[in-house]
Each structure stands twice: as C-alpha cells, then as structure tokens.
Amino acid sequence: MHKTSSESVSNVPAKIRLDKWLWAARFYKTRAIAKQSIEGGKVHCDGARSKPSKEITLG
C-alpha cells in the first residue's frame, strides 16, 4: 500500500544561489560558466550587478 502525501512540492528549496539557478535552468552549460558571466557583469539581479552566491527566491 502506498502512502499519499499532503505536502505540495516540499523538496523544492525556497531560496537558491543565482549561479546554481542559471545552471539548473540551462541558461549556461556549467555553473563555472554561469559564475564567470555573473562576475563579468553580464547578469543583473533587480537591476544591479550581483555575486554568484546571491540567494534568490523562486516564484
């Protein structure tokens, strides 16, 4: 018998690193390339340059 869970998407983190999200969403082939682009000023978050470790909220 299987248990049914009433939790909705509990495995998804509320926040994720910017470089990790860009890699997971396949904007970049590797996290290293995503990091280089962020550090090079090609990626902005809320209109400002960001660090690769910036925590972004999903949704």
N, C-alpha and C. Protein backbone atom coordinates (compact mmCIF):
# COMPACT_ATOMS: atom_id res chain seq x y z
N MET A 1 0.84 -1.16 0.00
CA MET A 1 0.00 0.00 0.00
C MET A 1 0.90 1.24 0.00
N HIS A 2 0.51 2.26 -0.76
CA HIS A 2 1.28 3.50 -0.86
C HIS A 2 0.66 4.57 0.03
N LYS A 3 1.54 5.34 0.64
CA LYS A 3 1.07 6.49 1.40
C LYS A 3 0.92 7.67 0.46
N THR A 4 -0.09 8.45 0.65
CA THR A 4 -0.24 9.67 -0.12
C THR A 4 0.19 10.83 0.75
N SER A 5 0.90 11.74 0.16
CA SER A 5 1.42 12.87 0.90
C SER A 5 0.57 14.11 0.65
N SER A 6 0.30 14.83 1.70
CA SER A 6 -0.46 16.07 1.56
C SER A 6 0.46 17.27 1.36
N GLU A 7 1.77 17.01 1.36
CA GLU A 7 2.73 18.09 1.15
C GLU A 7 2.77 18.44 -0.32
N SER A 8 2.87 19.73 -0.61
CA SER A 8 2.96 20.15 -2.00
C SER A 8 4.36 20.69 -2.27
N VAL A 9 5.10 20.00 -3.06
CA VAL A 9 6.44 20.37 -3.50
C VAL A 9 7.33 20.75 -2.32
N SER A 10 7.48 19.84 -1.38
CA SER A 10 8.27 20.12 -0.19
C SER A 10 9.76 19.99 -0.44
N ASN A 11 10.16 19.34 -1.54
CA ASN A 11 11.58 19.15 -1.82
C ASN A 11 12.21 20.34 -2.52
N VAL A 12 11.43 21.32 -2.92
CA VAL A 12 11.96 22.48 -3.62
C VAL A 12 12.40 23.52 -2.59
N PRO A 13 13.66 23.95 -2.64
CA PRO A 13 14.12 24.95 -1.68
C PRO A 13 13.47 26.30 -1.95
N ALA A 14 13.26 27.07 -0.89
CA ALA A 14 12.65 28.39 -1.03
C ALA A 14 13.62 29.37 -1.67
N LYS A 15 14.90 29.19 -1.41
CA LYS A 15 15.93 30.06 -1.99
C LYS A 15 17.01 29.21 -2.63
N ILE A 16 17.65 29.77 -3.65
CA ILE A 16 18.71 29.05 -4.36
C ILE A 16 19.74 30.07 -4.82
N ARG A 17 20.99 29.63 -4.91
CA ARG A 17 22.06 30.51 -5.38
C ARG A 17 21.80 30.91 -6.83
N LEU A 18 22.15 32.14 -7.17
CA LEU A 18 21.94 32.64 -8.53
C LEU A 18 22.66 31.80 -9.57
N ASP A 19 23.94 31.47 -9.33
CA ASP A 19 24.68 30.68 -10.31
C ASP A 19 24.10 29.28 -10.47
N LYS A 20 23.62 28.71 -9.37
CA LYS A 20 23.04 27.37 -9.43
C LYS A 20 21.72 27.38 -10.20
N TRP A 21 20.91 28.43 -10.01
CA TRP A 21 19.65 28.52 -10.74
C TRP A 21 19.89 28.71 -12.24
N LEU A 22 20.84 29.57 -12.60
CA LEU A 22 21.12 29.79 -14.02
C LEU A 22 21.59 28.50 -14.68
N TRP A 23 22.37 27.69 -13.96
CA TRP A 23 22.81 26.40 -14.49
C TRP A 23 21.64 25.41 -14.57
N ALA A 24 20.83 25.34 -13.52
CA ALA A 24 19.72 24.39 -13.49
C ALA A 24 18.67 24.71 -14.55
N ALA A 25 18.48 26.00 -14.84
CA ALA A 25 17.52 26.42 -15.86
C ALA A 25 18.12 26.33 -17.26
N ARG A 26 19.36 25.87 -17.34
CA ARG A 26 20.07 25.65 -18.60
C ARG A 26 20.35 26.92 -19.40
N PHE A 27 20.52 28.05 -18.67
CA PHE A 27 20.99 29.25 -19.35
C PHE A 27 22.48 29.11 -19.67
N TYR A 28 23.18 28.34 -18.83
CA TYR A 28 24.61 28.08 -19.03
C TYR A 28 24.86 26.59 -18.89
N LYS A 29 25.87 26.11 -19.62
CA LYS A 29 26.17 24.68 -19.64
C LYS A 29 26.74 24.19 -18.31
N THR A 30 27.53 25.04 -17.64
CA THR A 30 28.12 24.67 -16.35
C THR A 30 27.93 25.80 -15.35
N ARG A 31 28.04 25.47 -14.07
CA ARG A 31 27.97 26.51 -13.03
C ARG A 31 29.16 27.43 -13.11
N ALA A 32 30.31 26.91 -13.53
CA ALA A 32 31.51 27.74 -13.65
C ALA A 32 31.31 28.83 -14.71
N ILE A 33 30.68 28.48 -15.81
CA ILE A 33 30.41 29.47 -16.86
C ILE A 33 29.39 30.49 -16.35
N ALA A 34 28.39 30.04 -15.62
CA ALA A 34 27.40 30.95 -15.04
C ALA A 34 28.09 31.91 -14.08
N LYS A 35 29.00 31.39 -13.27
CA LYS A 35 29.73 32.23 -12.31
C LYS A 35 30.56 33.28 -13.04
N GLN A 36 31.25 32.89 -14.10
CA GLN A 36 32.06 33.84 -14.88
C GLN A 36 31.19 34.94 -15.47
N SER A 37 30.03 34.59 -15.97
CA SER A 37 29.14 35.58 -16.56
C SER A 37 28.62 36.56 -15.51
N ILE A 38 28.29 36.04 -14.34
CA ILE A 38 27.81 36.90 -13.26
C ILE A 38 28.91 37.85 -12.83
N GLU A 39 30.11 37.31 -12.61
CA GLU A 39 31.24 38.14 -12.18
C GLU A 39 31.66 39.13 -13.26
N GLY A 40 31.44 38.79 -14.52
CA GLY A 40 31.78 39.68 -15.63
C GLY A 40 30.76 40.77 -15.88
N GLY A 41 29.68 40.78 -15.12
CA GLY A 41 28.68 41.82 -15.24
C GLY A 41 27.61 41.56 -16.29
N LYS A 42 27.56 40.35 -16.82
CA LYS A 42 26.56 40.03 -17.85
C LYS A 42 25.20 39.69 -17.27
N VAL A 43 25.16 39.40 -15.97
CA VAL A 43 23.90 39.03 -15.31
C VAL A 43 23.62 40.05 -14.21
N HIS A 44 22.42 40.59 -14.23
CA HIS A 44 21.99 41.54 -13.20
C HIS A 44 20.78 40.98 -12.48
N CYS A 45 20.67 41.31 -11.21
CA CYS A 45 19.52 40.90 -10.41
C CYS A 45 18.91 42.16 -9.81
N ASP A 46 17.66 42.41 -10.10
CA ASP A 46 16.96 43.62 -9.66
C ASP A 46 17.67 44.88 -10.16
N GLY A 47 18.22 44.83 -11.36
CA GLY A 47 18.85 45.99 -11.97
C GLY A 47 20.26 46.29 -11.50
N ALA A 48 20.83 45.44 -10.67
CA ALA A 48 22.18 45.68 -10.15
C ALA A 48 23.05 44.45 -10.36
N ARG A 49 24.35 44.66 -10.42
CA ARG A 49 25.27 43.53 -10.53
C ARG A 49 25.19 42.71 -9.25
N SER A 50 25.36 41.42 -9.40
CA SER A 50 25.22 40.52 -8.26
C SER A 50 26.43 39.62 -8.15
N LYS A 51 26.51 38.93 -7.03
CA LYS A 51 27.52 37.90 -6.82
C LYS A 51 26.90 36.55 -7.16
N PRO A 52 27.74 35.56 -7.54
CA PRO A 52 27.20 34.23 -7.84
C PRO A 52 26.49 33.59 -6.65
N SER A 53 26.88 33.97 -5.45
CA SER A 53 26.31 33.36 -4.25
C SER A 53 25.02 34.04 -3.79
N LYS A 54 24.54 35.03 -4.53
CA LYS A 54 23.31 35.73 -4.13
C LYS A 54 22.15 34.74 -4.08
N GLU A 55 21.44 34.75 -2.96
CA GLU A 55 20.28 33.88 -2.78
C GLU A 55 19.07 34.54 -3.44
N ILE A 56 18.44 33.82 -4.35
CA ILE A 56 17.24 34.34 -4.99
C ILE A 56 16.05 33.50 -4.56
N THR A 57 14.89 34.12 -4.52
CA THR A 57 13.67 33.44 -4.13
C THR A 57 12.95 32.96 -5.38
N LEU A 58 12.53 31.72 -5.36
CA LEU A 58 11.83 31.16 -6.50
C LEU A 58 10.37 31.58 -6.49
N GLY A 59 9.85 31.78 -7.66
CA GLY A 59 8.43 32.08 -7.77
C GLY A 59 8.10 33.43 -8.25
